[in-house]
Amino acid sequence: MNLFFGTNSHNYDLKGRFQKSVKLSHGDYGFSLSFANGLLWVSEDGDYEEGMWYGYEVR
């Protein structure tokens, strides 16, 4: 599970134990936060236009 604040992602395991915090260089739209293909994905809000997605490898 991830909690997202600004450009910080706080990662927890399925039992709610804290794993790590990751500062992301791009992407600030928390509603877009997802995990797919081994990457953590977040976008920048396009303000009703096309936004930009960023994928991060979190180790």
Protein backbone atom coordinates (compact mmCIF):
# COMPACT_ATOMS: atom_id res chain seq x y z
CA MET A 1 0.00 0.00 0.00
CA ASN A 2 1.18 3.52 -0.75
CA LEU A 3 0.21 6.85 0.75
CA PHE A 4 1.06 9.83 -1.38
CA PHE A 5 1.66 13.39 -0.17
CA GLY A 6 2.97 15.99 -2.61
CA THR A 7 5.95 14.21 -4.15
CA ASN A 8 6.50 11.71 -1.32
CA SER A 9 5.27 8.13 -1.44
CA HIS A 10 5.09 6.26 1.87
CA ASN A 11 5.09 2.50 1.37
CA TYR A 12 3.52 -0.04 3.75
CA ASP A 13 3.14 -3.81 3.59
CA LEU A 14 -0.28 -5.49 3.62
CA LYS A 15 -0.24 -5.66 7.43
CA GLY A 16 0.21 -1.89 7.68
CA ARG A 17 3.88 -1.96 8.66
CA PHE A 18 5.96 0.92 7.34
CA GLN A 19 8.48 -0.11 4.65
CA LYS A 20 10.04 3.10 3.29
CA SER A 21 9.46 6.62 2.02
CA VAL A 22 10.39 7.60 -1.50
CA LYS A 23 10.72 11.16 -2.79
CA LEU A 24 9.55 11.34 -6.39
CA SER A 25 11.09 13.87 -8.75
CA HIS A 26 7.95 14.21 -10.94
CA GLY A 27 4.25 13.57 -10.57
CA ASP A 28 2.01 15.21 -8.03
CA TYR A 29 -1.48 13.87 -8.70
CA GLY A 30 -2.16 11.45 -5.85
CA PHE A 31 -5.38 10.06 -7.34
CA SER A 32 -3.30 8.59 -10.19
CA LEU A 33 -0.97 6.57 -7.95
CA SER A 34 -0.78 2.95 -9.09
CA PHE A 35 1.55 -0.03 -9.27
CA ALA A 36 1.96 -2.01 -12.51
CA ASN A 37 4.69 -3.98 -14.28
CA GLY A 38 6.96 -3.66 -11.24
CA LEU A 39 6.84 0.16 -11.30
CA LEU A 40 5.16 2.78 -9.15
CA TRP A 41 3.26 5.14 -11.45
CA VAL A 42 2.03 8.68 -10.82
CA SER A 43 0.96 11.48 -13.14
CA GLU A 44 0.92 15.24 -13.22
CA ASP A 45 -2.56 16.69 -13.45
CA GLY A 46 -3.34 17.83 -16.97
CA ASP A 47 -6.06 20.24 -15.77
CA TYR A 48 -8.65 18.70 -18.12
CA GLU A 49 -5.98 18.22 -20.77
CA GLU A 50 -3.57 15.34 -21.41
CA GLY A 51 -1.31 14.78 -18.39
CA MET A 52 2.11 13.13 -18.13
CA TRP A 53 2.77 9.76 -16.46
CA TYR A 54 6.00 8.85 -14.64
CA GLY A 55 7.10 5.34 -13.68
CA TYR A 56 9.51 4.71 -10.80
CA GLU A 57 11.38 1.56 -9.88
CA VAL A 58 11.10 1.30 -6.10
CA ARG A 59 13.54 -1.07 -4.41
